[in-house]
Protein backbone atom coordinates (compact mmCIF):
# COMPACT_ATOMS: atom_id res chain seq x y z
CA MET A 1 0.25 0.10 -37.11
CA THR A 2 1.56 3.77 -36.71
CA THR A 3 4.88 4.07 -35.08
CA VAL A 4 6.41 7.34 -33.76
CA ALA A 5 10.20 8.60 -33.29
CA LEU A 6 11.79 8.22 -29.97
CA HIS A 7 12.38 11.89 -29.33
CA SER A 8 8.74 13.03 -30.59
CA SER A 9 6.45 14.17 -27.96
CA ALA A 10 4.44 10.84 -28.34
CA GLY A 11 7.72 8.73 -28.11
CA LYS A 12 8.75 10.46 -24.75
CA TRP A 13 5.34 9.91 -23.18
CA VAL A 14 5.49 6.15 -24.13
CA MET A 15 8.97 5.91 -22.50
CA VAL A 16 8.01 7.92 -19.30
CA THR A 17 4.90 5.85 -18.68
CA THR A 18 6.69 2.34 -19.20
CA ILE A 19 9.52 3.44 -17.06
CA LEU A 20 7.22 4.67 -14.26
CA ALA A 21 5.33 1.56 -14.14
CA SER A 22 8.53 -0.89 -14.49
CA ALA A 23 10.22 1.15 -11.84
CA MET A 24 7.37 0.74 -9.55
CA ALA A 25 7.60 -2.97 -9.56
CA PHE A 26 11.15 -3.33 -9.59
CA ILE A 27 11.67 -0.79 -6.54
CA ASP A 28 8.93 -3.05 -4.77
CA GLY A 29 10.85 -6.25 -5.44
CA THR A 30 14.41 -5.23 -4.46
CA ALA A 31 13.54 -2.77 -1.38
CA LEU A 32 11.24 -5.62 0.06
CA ASN A 33 14.07 -8.00 0.52
CA VAL A 34 15.86 -5.28 2.79
CA VAL A 35 12.76 -4.54 5.21
CA LEU A 36 12.19 -8.35 5.79
CA PRO A 37 13.58 -8.39 9.22
CA ALA A 38 11.62 -5.31 10.32
CA LEU A 39 8.28 -6.65 8.53
CA GLN A 40 8.98 -10.01 10.40
CA GLN A 41 9.21 -8.46 13.81
CA SER A 42 6.28 -6.15 13.25
CA LEU A 43 3.92 -8.91 12.10
CA LYS A 44 5.18 -11.64 14.32
CA ALA A 45 5.67 -13.60 11.13
CA SER A 46 7.32 -17.18 11.22
CA ALA A 47 10.18 -18.11 8.89
CA ALA A 48 7.81 -20.08 6.49
CA GLU A 49 5.40 -16.97 6.37
CA LEU A 50 8.29 -14.76 5.46
CA PHE A 51 9.21 -17.15 2.78
CA TRP A 52 5.66 -16.88 1.32
CA VAL A 53 5.60 -12.99 1.55
CA LEU A 54 8.36 -13.11 -1.02
CA ASN A 55 7.16 -15.92 -3.03
CA ALA A 56 3.44 -15.33 -3.21
CA TYR A 57 3.88 -12.53 -5.59
CA MET A 58 6.63 -14.40 -7.65
CA LEU A 59 4.12 -17.44 -7.82
CA MET A 60 1.39 -15.35 -9.52
CA LEU A 61 3.66 -13.52 -11.50
CA ALA A 62 5.33 -16.46 -13.11
CA SER A 63 2.10 -18.41 -13.51
CA LEU A 64 0.19 -15.45 -15.32
CA ILE A 65 2.75 -13.51 -17.35
CA LEU A 66 2.23 -15.23 -20.55
CA ILE A 67 -1.61 -14.54 -20.13
CA GLY A 68 -0.73 -10.95 -19.36
CA GLY A 69 1.48 -10.64 -22.74
CA SER A 70 -1.30 -12.34 -25.01
CA LEU A 71 -4.20 -10.15 -23.46
CA GLY A 72 -2.21 -7.09 -24.54
CA ASP A 73 -1.88 -8.04 -28.01
CA ARG A 74 -5.54 -9.14 -28.33
CA LEU A 75 -7.51 -6.62 -26.36
CA GLY A 76 -5.10 -3.51 -26.56
CA ARG A 77 -1.64 -2.98 -24.90
CA LYS A 78 -2.52 0.35 -23.39
CA LYS A 79 -5.53 -1.04 -21.82
CA VAL A 80 -4.31 -4.04 -20.52
CA PHE A 81 -1.10 -2.33 -19.26
CA MET A 82 -3.25 0.43 -17.44
CA ALA A 83 -5.46 -2.65 -15.90
CA GLY A 84 -2.23 -4.22 -14.55
CA ILE A 85 -0.85 -0.91 -12.90
CA PHE A 86 -4.53 -0.55 -11.44
CA VAL A 87 -4.49 -3.86 -9.91
CA PHE A 88 -0.64 -3.39 -8.70
CA ILE A 89 -1.65 -0.23 -6.92
CA LEU A 90 -4.70 -1.74 -5.11
CA GLY A 91 -2.45 -4.80 -3.98
CA SER A 92 0.48 -2.38 -2.92
CA THR A 93 -2.13 -0.12 -0.79
CA ALA A 94 -3.65 -3.49 0.81
CA CYS A 95 -0.09 -4.75 1.63
CA GLY A 96 0.51 -1.46 3.43
CA PHE A 97 -2.28 -1.72 5.51
CA ALA A 98 -1.94 -5.67 6.19
CA GLY A 99 -2.13 -6.51 9.79
CA SER A 100 -1.10 -9.91 9.84
CA ALA A 101 1.57 -12.10 7.68
CA THR A 102 -1.30 -14.14 6.30
CA MET A 103 -3.12 -11.15 4.86
CA LEU A 104 -0.09 -9.75 3.67
CA ILE A 105 0.56 -13.04 1.68
CA ILE A 106 -2.91 -12.70 0.04
CA PHE A 107 -2.43 -9.06 -0.80
CA ARG A 108 1.02 -10.01 -2.40
CA MET A 109 -0.63 -12.28 -4.72
CA ILE A 110 -2.90 -9.43 -5.93
CA GLN A 111 0.11 -7.58 -6.75
CA GLY A 112 1.49 -10.52 -8.73
CA ILE A 113 -1.60 -10.59 -10.90
CA GLY A 114 -1.24 -6.75 -11.36
CA GLY A 115 2.71 -7.46 -12.20
CA ALA A 116 1.57 -10.11 -14.88
CA LEU A 117 -0.59 -7.72 -16.73
CA MET A 118 1.77 -4.71 -16.45
CA ILE A 119 5.35 -6.08 -16.66
CA PRO A 120 5.15 -7.46 -20.30
CA GLY A 121 2.89 -4.57 -21.31
CA SER A 122 5.77 -2.00 -20.75
CA LEU A 123 8.12 -3.61 -23.45
CA SER A 124 5.35 -4.62 -25.70
CA LEU A 125 4.17 -0.95 -25.81
CA ILE A 126 7.67 0.49 -26.49
CA THR A 127 8.08 -2.30 -29.45
CA SER A 128 4.90 -1.52 -30.80
CA SER A 129 4.99 2.15 -30.46
CA ILE A 130 8.50 3.12 -31.43
CA ASN A 131 10.15 3.24 -34.94
CA GLU A 132 11.89 -0.09 -35.51
CA ASN A 133 15.34 1.54 -36.26
CA GLU A 134 15.06 3.33 -32.63
CA ARG A 135 13.82 0.46 -30.60
CA GLY A 136 17.21 -0.81 -29.46
CA LYS A 137 17.86 2.81 -28.02
CA ALA A 138 14.57 3.02 -26.62
CA ILE A 139 14.89 -0.43 -24.73
CA GLY A 140 18.43 0.67 -23.75
CA THR A 141 16.98 3.84 -22.18
CA TRP A 142 14.38 1.91 -20.44
CA SER A 143 16.92 -0.57 -19.17
CA ALA A 144 19.13 2.03 -17.78
CA VAL A 145 16.68 4.15 -16.14
CA THR A 146 14.57 1.05 -14.60
CA THR A 147 18.06 -0.46 -13.31
CA LEU A 148 18.92 2.99 -11.56
CA VAL A 149 15.65 3.05 -9.83
CA THR A 150 15.80 -0.73 -9.30
CA MET A 151 19.47 -0.64 -7.53
CA GLY A 152 18.23 2.36 -5.48
CA GLY A 153 15.59 0.02 -4.00
CA PRO A 154 17.88 -1.51 -1.21
CA VAL A 155 19.12 1.99 -0.09
CA LEU A 156 15.57 3.20 -0.01
CA GLY A 157 14.49 -0.14 1.69
CA GLY A 158 17.36 0.04 4.36
CA ALA A 159 16.34 3.73 5.39
CA LEU A 160 12.65 3.07 5.84
CA ALA A 161 13.45 -0.04 7.89
CA ASP A 162 15.71 1.71 10.19
CA ALA A 163 13.15 4.63 10.52
CA GLY A 164 10.43 1.77 11.39
CA LEU A 165 8.48 2.71 8.12
CA TRP A 166 8.60 -0.53 6.28
CA ARG A 167 4.96 -0.23 5.03
CA TYR A 168 5.91 2.77 3.07
CA ILE A 169 7.76 0.15 0.60
CA PHE A 170 4.43 -0.38 -0.45
CA PHE A 171 2.53 2.99 -0.10
CA ILE A 172 5.32 4.52 -2.36
CA ASN A 173 3.99 2.45 -5.38
CA VAL A 174 0.69 4.48 -5.14
CA PRO A 175 1.73 7.93 -6.19
CA ILE A 176 4.02 6.25 -9.05
CA GLY A 177 1.19 4.14 -10.22
CA VAL A 178 -1.27 6.93 -10.26
CA ALA A 179 1.01 9.25 -12.15
CA ALA A 180 1.71 6.50 -14.91
CA LEU A 181 -2.04 6.11 -15.19
CA VAL A 182 -2.83 9.86 -15.67
CA PHE A 183 -0.05 10.11 -18.21
CA LEU A 184 -1.15 6.96 -20.21
CA ALA A 185 -4.79 8.05 -20.32
CA TRP A 186 -3.99 11.56 -21.47
CA LYS A 187 -0.75 11.31 -23.63
CA VAL A 188 -0.38 7.61 -25.08
CA ASN A 189 -2.32 6.08 -27.94
CA GLU A 190 -3.87 2.78 -27.71
CA SER A 191 -1.74 -0.05 -29.61
CA ARG A 192 -3.98 -2.99 -30.60
CA GLU A 193 -3.74 -5.72 -33.37
CA THR A 194 -6.58 -5.90 -35.65
CA GLU A 195 -5.05 -8.75 -37.92
CA GLY A 196 -5.94 -12.25 -37.67
CA ASP A 197 -8.11 -14.06 -35.04
CA GLN A 198 -8.48 -11.91 -31.91
CA ARG A 199 -10.49 -14.55 -29.66
CA LEU A 200 -8.90 -15.41 -26.47
CA ASP A 201 -7.40 -18.84 -25.89
CA PHE A 202 -9.12 -19.98 -22.80
CA PRO A 203 -7.84 -23.59 -22.66
CA GLY A 204 -4.29 -22.41 -23.43
CA ALA A 205 -4.71 -19.63 -20.67
CA VAL A 206 -5.75 -22.22 -18.02
CA LEU A 207 -2.99 -24.66 -19.02
CA THR A 208 -0.17 -22.39 -18.89
CA ALA A 209 -1.24 -20.83 -15.58
CA ALA A 210 -1.75 -24.09 -13.85
CA GLY A 211 1.46 -25.61 -15.48
CA LEU A 212 3.74 -22.57 -14.50
CA ALA A 213 2.09 -22.35 -11.09
CA LEU A 214 2.88 -26.03 -10.33
CA LEU A 215 6.46 -25.84 -11.69
CA THR A 216 7.08 -22.53 -9.53
CA PHE A 217 5.71 -23.73 -6.64
CA GLY A 218 7.65 -27.04 -6.75
CA PHE A 219 10.99 -25.00 -7.27
CA LEU A 220 10.10 -22.77 -4.47
CA ARG A 221 9.38 -25.48 -1.92
CA MET A 222 12.67 -27.49 -2.84
CA PRO A 223 15.08 -25.75 -0.53
CA SER A 224 13.03 -26.62 2.36
CA LEU A 225 11.70 -29.81 1.60
CA GLY A 226 14.35 -31.24 -0.83
CA PHE A 227 13.62 -32.72 -4.06
CA GLY A 228 12.79 -36.22 -2.69
CA ASN A 229 9.59 -34.87 -1.18
CA PRO A 230 6.38 -35.71 -3.00
CA GLN A 231 5.12 -32.28 -2.78
CA VAL A 232 8.35 -30.99 -4.64
CA TYR A 233 8.67 -33.60 -7.41
CA GLY A 234 5.07 -34.16 -7.70
CA THR A 235 4.43 -30.59 -8.39
CA ILE A 236 7.27 -30.30 -10.82
CA ALA A 237 6.08 -33.26 -12.60
CA GLY A 238 2.58 -31.96 -12.78
CA GLY A 239 3.88 -28.56 -13.95
CA VAL A 240 6.00 -30.27 -16.78
CA LEU A 241 2.94 -32.46 -17.77
CA LEU A 242 0.64 -29.54 -17.98
CA LEU A 243 2.97 -27.54 -20.00
CA ALA A 244 3.44 -30.41 -22.45
CA VAL A 245 -0.45 -30.56 -22.95
CA PHE A 246 -0.32 -26.80 -23.31
CA ILE A 247 2.01 -27.16 -26.24
CA ILE A 248 -0.15 -29.76 -27.87
CA VAL A 249 -3.36 -27.82 -27.50
CA GLU A 250 -1.53 -24.74 -28.88
CA ASN A 251 -0.24 -26.50 -31.62
CA LYS A 252 -3.82 -27.39 -32.75
CA SER A 253 -5.48 -24.28 -31.72
CA ARG A 254 -7.08 -21.81 -34.50
CA HIS A 255 -6.20 -18.93 -32.14
CA PRO A 256 -3.43 -19.91 -29.74
CA MET A 257 -2.19 -17.80 -26.91
CA LEU A 258 1.27 -18.83 -27.75
CA PRO A 259 1.92 -19.66 -31.35
CA VAL A 260 4.39 -22.70 -30.93
CA GLY A 261 5.72 -21.79 -34.41
CA LEU A 262 7.40 -19.09 -32.76
CA PHE A 263 10.07 -21.44 -31.37
CA LYS A 264 10.92 -22.49 -35.04
CA ASN A 265 12.59 -18.91 -35.37
CA VAL A 266 16.11 -19.60 -34.29
CA ILE A 267 16.79 -16.11 -32.95
CA PHE A 268 13.57 -16.14 -30.69
CA THR A 269 14.57 -19.59 -29.22
CA GLY A 270 18.15 -18.80 -28.99
CA THR A 271 17.61 -15.42 -27.19
CA ASN A 272 15.14 -17.16 -24.84
CA LEU A 273 17.88 -19.80 -23.93
CA LEU A 274 20.52 -17.12 -23.54
CA THR A 275 18.04 -15.22 -21.08
CA PHE A 276 17.52 -18.44 -19.16
CA PHE A 277 21.07 -19.21 -18.59
CA LEU A 278 22.31 -15.55 -17.89
CA TYR A 279 19.47 -14.72 -15.63
CA ALA A 280 19.90 -17.96 -13.69
CA GLY A 281 23.63 -17.14 -13.00
CA LEU A 282 22.81 -13.64 -12.19
CA GLY A 283 19.98 -14.41 -10.01
CA ALA A 284 21.94 -16.90 -8.00
CA GLY A 285 25.10 -14.91 -7.92
CA MET A 286 23.48 -11.72 -6.62
CA LEU A 287 21.57 -13.49 -4.00
CA PHE A 288 24.49 -15.51 -2.55
CA LEU A 289 26.83 -12.20 -2.88
CA SER A 290 24.39 -10.57 -0.67
CA LEU A 291 24.43 -13.34 1.80
CA ASP A 292 28.19 -13.44 1.87
CA MET A 293 28.52 -9.54 2.45
CA VAL A 294 25.99 -9.27 5.04
CA GLN A 295 26.31 -12.59 6.99
CA VAL A 296 29.98 -13.45 6.81
CA GLN A 297 31.90 -10.45 5.67
CA GLY A 298 30.11 -7.84 8.14
CA TYR A 299 28.61 -5.37 5.84
CA THR A 300 25.46 -3.85 6.82
CA GLN A 301 22.28 -3.95 4.72
CA LEU A 302 22.82 -0.35 3.64
CA GLN A 303 26.41 -1.13 2.74
CA SER A 304 25.58 -4.12 0.73
CA GLY A 305 23.02 -2.07 -1.21
CA LEU A 306 25.61 0.64 -1.99
CA THR A 307 28.01 -1.89 -3.23
CA PHE A 308 26.07 -2.31 -6.39
CA LEU A 309 26.37 1.31 -7.28
CA PRO A 310 29.05 0.62 -9.83
CA PHE A 311 26.70 -1.65 -11.50
CA THR A 312 24.10 0.93 -11.80
CA VAL A 313 26.42 3.52 -12.84
CA LEU A 314 27.70 1.33 -15.72
CA MET A 315 24.05 0.61 -16.77
CA ILE A 316 23.19 4.33 -16.96
CA ILE A 317 26.29 4.91 -18.86
CA ILE A 318 26.62 1.89 -21.63
CA ALA A 319 22.86 0.38 -21.85
CA ARG A 320 21.54 3.19 -23.90
CA PHE A 321 24.80 3.12 -26.06
CA ALA A 322 24.83 -0.52 -26.38
CA GLY A 323 21.03 -0.56 -27.53
CA SER A 324 22.07 2.15 -30.08
CA MET A 325 25.09 0.27 -31.41
CA ALA A 326 23.11 -2.79 -31.73
CA ASP A 327 20.40 -1.17 -33.76
CA LYS A 328 23.57 -0.10 -36.10
CA TYR A 329 25.90 -2.88 -36.28
CA GLY A 330 23.64 -5.87 -35.35
CA PRO A 331 23.26 -7.59 -31.94
CA ARG A 332 25.52 -10.49 -32.18
CA LEU A 333 28.73 -9.30 -30.75
CA PHE A 334 26.91 -7.73 -27.75
CA LEU A 335 25.15 -11.00 -27.00
CA VAL A 336 28.14 -13.23 -27.17
CA ALA A 337 30.69 -10.82 -25.23
CA GLY A 338 28.12 -9.39 -22.76
CA PRO A 339 27.18 -12.80 -21.04
CA CYS A 340 30.95 -13.72 -21.15
CA ILE A 341 32.04 -10.55 -19.62
CA ALA A 342 29.45 -11.27 -16.89
CA GLY A 343 30.78 -14.41 -16.31
CA VAL A 344 34.29 -13.28 -15.81
CA GLY A 345 32.86 -10.88 -13.25
CA LEU A 346 30.95 -13.75 -11.34
CA LEU A 347 34.28 -15.85 -11.77
CA LEU A 348 36.35 -12.89 -10.06
CA LEU A 349 33.78 -12.59 -7.14
CA SER A 350 34.21 -16.43 -6.30
CA PHE A 351 37.61 -15.91 -5.70
CA VAL A 352 36.91 -13.42 -2.64
CA LYS A 353 37.73 -15.23 0.65
CA GLN A 354 37.44 -13.80 4.25
CA THR A 355 37.77 -9.94 4.04
CA HIS A 356 37.98 -7.34 6.97
CA GLY A 357 34.63 -5.75 6.01
CA ALA A 358 33.69 -2.98 3.78
CA GLY A 359 36.83 -1.07 4.17
CA GLU A 360 38.44 -3.67 1.78
CA TYR A 361 35.43 -3.53 -0.74
CA TRP A 362 37.55 -1.92 -3.51
CA THR A 363 40.27 -4.46 -3.78
CA THR A 364 37.93 -7.56 -3.21
CA PHE A 365 34.34 -7.30 -4.51
CA PHE A 366 34.65 -4.09 -6.65
CA PRO A 367 36.33 -5.79 -9.62
CA GLY A 368 34.04 -8.54 -10.09
CA ILE A 369 31.09 -6.18 -9.57
CA VAL A 370 32.35 -3.94 -12.27
CA GLY A 371 32.79 -7.10 -14.61
CA LEU A 372 29.35 -8.15 -13.82
CA GLY A 373 27.84 -4.72 -14.54
CA LEU A 374 29.88 -4.27 -17.75
CA GLY A 375 28.60 -7.61 -18.98
CA MET A 376 24.97 -6.90 -18.11
CA SER A 377 25.13 -3.44 -19.64
CA PHE A 378 26.36 -4.66 -22.92
CA THR A 379 23.57 -7.47 -22.83
CA VAL A 380 20.29 -6.05 -21.64
CA ALA A 381 19.11 -3.93 -24.28
CA PRO A 382 20.62 -5.61 -27.15
CA LEU A 383 18.94 -9.00 -25.87
CA THR A 384 15.54 -7.30 -25.15
CA ALA A 385 15.52 -5.72 -28.69
CA THR A 386 16.52 -8.99 -30.36
CA VAL A 387 13.68 -10.94 -28.75
CA MET A 388 11.11 -8.28 -29.56
CA GLY A 389 12.52 -7.82 -33.17
CA SER A 390 12.59 -11.56 -33.89
CA VAL A 391 8.79 -11.71 -34.33
CA SER A 392 6.15 -9.81 -35.88
CA ASP A 393 4.88 -6.53 -34.23
CA HIS A 394 1.46 -8.12 -33.67
CA LEU A 395 2.94 -10.79 -31.32
CA SER A 396 5.17 -8.34 -29.46
CA GLY A 397 3.24 -8.75 -26.11
CA THR A 398 3.40 -12.47 -26.46
CA ALA A 399 7.16 -12.25 -27.14
CA SER A 400 7.60 -9.93 -24.05
CA GLY A 401 5.44 -12.27 -21.93
CA VAL A 402 7.59 -15.41 -22.99
CA ASN A 403 10.86 -13.66 -22.30
CA ASN A 404 9.70 -12.24 -18.99
CA ALA A 405 8.56 -15.60 -18.02
CA VAL A 406 11.80 -17.11 -18.93
CA THR A 407 13.58 -14.45 -16.86
CA ARG A 408 11.33 -15.16 -13.69
CA ILE A 409 11.46 -18.89 -13.90
CA ALA A 410 15.04 -18.73 -14.44
CA GLY A 411 15.54 -16.75 -11.16
CA VAL A 412 13.31 -19.22 -9.30
CA PHE A 413 14.74 -22.31 -10.66
CA ALA A 414 18.31 -21.12 -9.94
CA ASN A 415 17.47 -19.94 -6.26
CA ALA A 416 15.98 -23.32 -5.63
CA ILE A 417 18.73 -25.48 -7.19
CA PHE A 418 21.40 -23.44 -6.17
CA GLY A 419 19.91 -22.89 -2.72
CA ALA A 420 19.87 -26.78 -2.13
CA LEU A 421 23.42 -27.11 -3.54
CA ALA A 422 24.71 -24.49 -1.19
CA VAL A 423 23.62 -26.30 1.77
CA LEU A 424 25.21 -29.57 0.51
CA PHE A 425 28.61 -27.56 -0.17
CA PHE A 426 28.43 -25.89 3.24
CA SER A 427 27.66 -29.02 5.16
CA GLY A 428 30.35 -31.00 3.23
CA ALA A 429 32.90 -28.36 4.16
CA VAL A 430 31.95 -28.01 7.65
CA GLN A 431 32.07 -31.86 8.11
CA ARG A 432 35.57 -31.99 6.76
CA GLU A 433 36.59 -29.13 9.18
CA ILE A 434 35.13 -30.26 12.47
CA ARG A 435 36.92 -33.64 12.17
CA VAL A 436 39.81 -31.99 13.84
CA LEU A 437 37.83 -30.12 16.60
CA PRO A 438 37.60 -31.81 20.19
CA LEU A 439 33.82 -32.54 19.76
CA ASN A 440 31.83 -35.87 20.38
CA GLY A 441 29.72 -37.38 17.60
CA GLN A 442 26.52 -35.87 18.86
CA GLN A 443 28.04 -32.43 18.97
CA ARG A 444 29.49 -32.72 15.61
CA GLU A 445 25.92 -33.84 14.27
CA ALA A 446 24.50 -30.75 15.95
CA VAL A 447 27.06 -28.44 14.46
CA VAL A 448 26.41 -29.80 10.94
CA ALA A 449 22.62 -29.68 11.28
CA GLN A 450 22.87 -25.93 11.59
CA THR A 451 24.24 -25.67 8.04
CA VAL A 452 20.54 -25.57 6.75
CA ASP A 453 20.51 -21.94 7.75
CA LEU A 454 23.66 -21.09 5.61
CA GLY A 455 25.17 -17.82 6.90
CA ASN A 456 22.94 -17.56 9.83
CA ALA A 457 24.08 -20.95 11.15
CA SER A 458 24.53 -20.68 14.99
CA ILE A 459 26.38 -22.64 17.56
CA PRO A 460 24.25 -25.38 18.96
CA ALA A 461 23.52 -25.48 22.92
CA GLY A 462 25.69 -27.72 24.94
CA ILE A 463 28.89 -26.84 23.18
CA ASP A 464 31.74 -25.69 25.59
CA SER A 465 32.09 -21.80 25.14
CA ALA A 466 35.99 -22.40 24.62
CA HIS A 467 35.03 -24.09 21.18
CA HIS A 468 32.81 -21.15 20.04
CA ASN A 469 35.32 -19.24 18.30
CA MET A 470 36.58 -22.34 16.54
CA ILE A 471 32.98 -23.19 15.22
CA ARG A 472 32.33 -19.76 14.10
CA LYS A 473 35.41 -19.89 11.96
CA VAL A 474 34.43 -23.29 10.58
CA TYR A 475 31.02 -21.81 9.65
CA LYS A 476 32.51 -18.77 8.21
CA ASP A 477 35.06 -20.87 6.05
CA GLY A 478 32.77 -23.32 5.02
CA PHE A 479 29.99 -20.55 3.97
CA ILE A 480 32.81 -18.92 1.96
CA THR A 481 33.70 -22.40 0.42
CA ALA A 482 30.05 -22.85 -0.55
CA TYR A 483 29.85 -19.25 -1.86
CA GLY A 484 32.79 -19.78 -4.10
CA ARG A 485 31.48 -22.71 -5.78
CA ILE A 486 27.91 -21.26 -6.23
CA MET A 487 29.65 -18.23 -7.67
CA GLN A 488 31.60 -20.44 -10.05
CA LEU A 489 28.54 -22.35 -11.28
CA SER A 490 26.63 -18.88 -11.78
CA ALA A 491 29.64 -17.95 -13.86
CA GLY A 492 29.46 -21.17 -15.86
CA LEU A 493 25.62 -20.63 -16.83
CA ALA A 494 26.81 -16.81 -17.91
CA PHE A 495 29.24 -18.44 -20.26
CA LEU A 496 26.45 -20.96 -21.36
CA GLY A 497 24.32 -17.70 -22.21
CA GLY A 498 27.37 -16.32 -24.32
CA LEU A 499 27.55 -19.71 -26.13
CA MET A 500 23.70 -19.47 -26.80
CA GLY A 501 24.46 -15.95 -28.41
CA PHE A 502 27.23 -17.39 -30.68
CA LEU A 503 25.28 -20.39 -31.95
CA PHE A 504 21.86 -18.64 -32.36
CA ILE A 505 22.15 -14.94 -33.03
CA ARG A 506 22.94 -13.64 -36.56
CA LYS A 507 24.36 -10.42 -37.22
CA ARG A 508 20.93 -8.68 -37.57
CA PRO A 509 17.64 -10.19 -36.09
CA ALA A 510 14.99 -11.44 -38.69
CA THR A 511 11.57 -10.43 -38.47
CA GLY A 512 9.00 -13.29 -38.91
């Protein structure tokens, strides 16, 4: 397979198209979180419907992303990448015109199908097209630019929501996607593997889609239903069983979608374990940090989005450099130190108590966000390059699909488990605090019952107004306690990621 230099015309067009498509997906995800209140009011959506507006996309993405990566390897990476972009554009357009929450949920599923074909294709196209000695630098460039536009998503979402234009979060994907398709068609060569058996693994595709769908669905339902609900443990158990059958089938298949032998490669296995722990910690940490800022500390949505600018700036400055240094000296130091620095950042954030709003940002949240940004900046490009470099080029799409699936499942898993833990921590803290308040047993139960809403907990009806301020303080203090513990657990996961780097990553990745 012919590869090109990063600074050649062909190399630059590969970078432009993959960055455009990835940015489209990432902006959509981050900006949507900010416009949810406006969207809910406009479509008169229930809380459950709002939940599925977010998670219908994630369900389809996590279920099909392995298939998307495998199809690119077999049918042509550019072809499948373009198909994913086209489907994503169609889904985005339909979302923008959705007249009800139900229709929006359906159209978000279409977006998820497009994303599953598109997202692994971007890294696979870079890996298969750019010279091996420049891939770390190329992936660092991709990481820095996509992070820049991704972190701009909340600012854009806040501005559009304030202007009553939430639908443009979806419409903005159309010109970006069309530009990517045009450039791909005219400027980028096809990348396809001709070696080996190129037949599609239909049993494997069905098993992995069904298994990941059940597993993801179970985790998504856990925060609202609890693990003891049959719908939760039943679907999780079913998902695990189907994935176990999938591994057996792939091990016996003559043309497997996911060669099980990949996991005998300790670097491939180790980097995916690192990815799981680091992104589980990052996902939970970022979620609860935003909740704490907006619901307890008094930040506006726009201010909350702007607080992550140091993270963005560090990614822009460092990610490309870290990728180049990993190309030159090997990734091990970056994949041990990076997650650990991110863990220190999360730990610093866990110590932030009640503040007086955004005016105290620089002495409270800023140091932790800088630590988190430094850690991720040192990690992202070397990690991705190591995953992609640990396998042969003809499996780059599969490797990207696996790593992206691990990233998505880590986020879903962390948000589900930590969401349930946060309610337990919050309710426990509130129960301890209200013992000294002059409330009867029924009133105490009503106050504790509100903790399922975390930072949105409201004072129950029937409570004397003289006690309102005390209860508000109990809720704030209780949430900050829960937030601190969740951030400490997130830091622990990041440190576990660093341990995976120490145990599994050699100085230079081995290709096999």
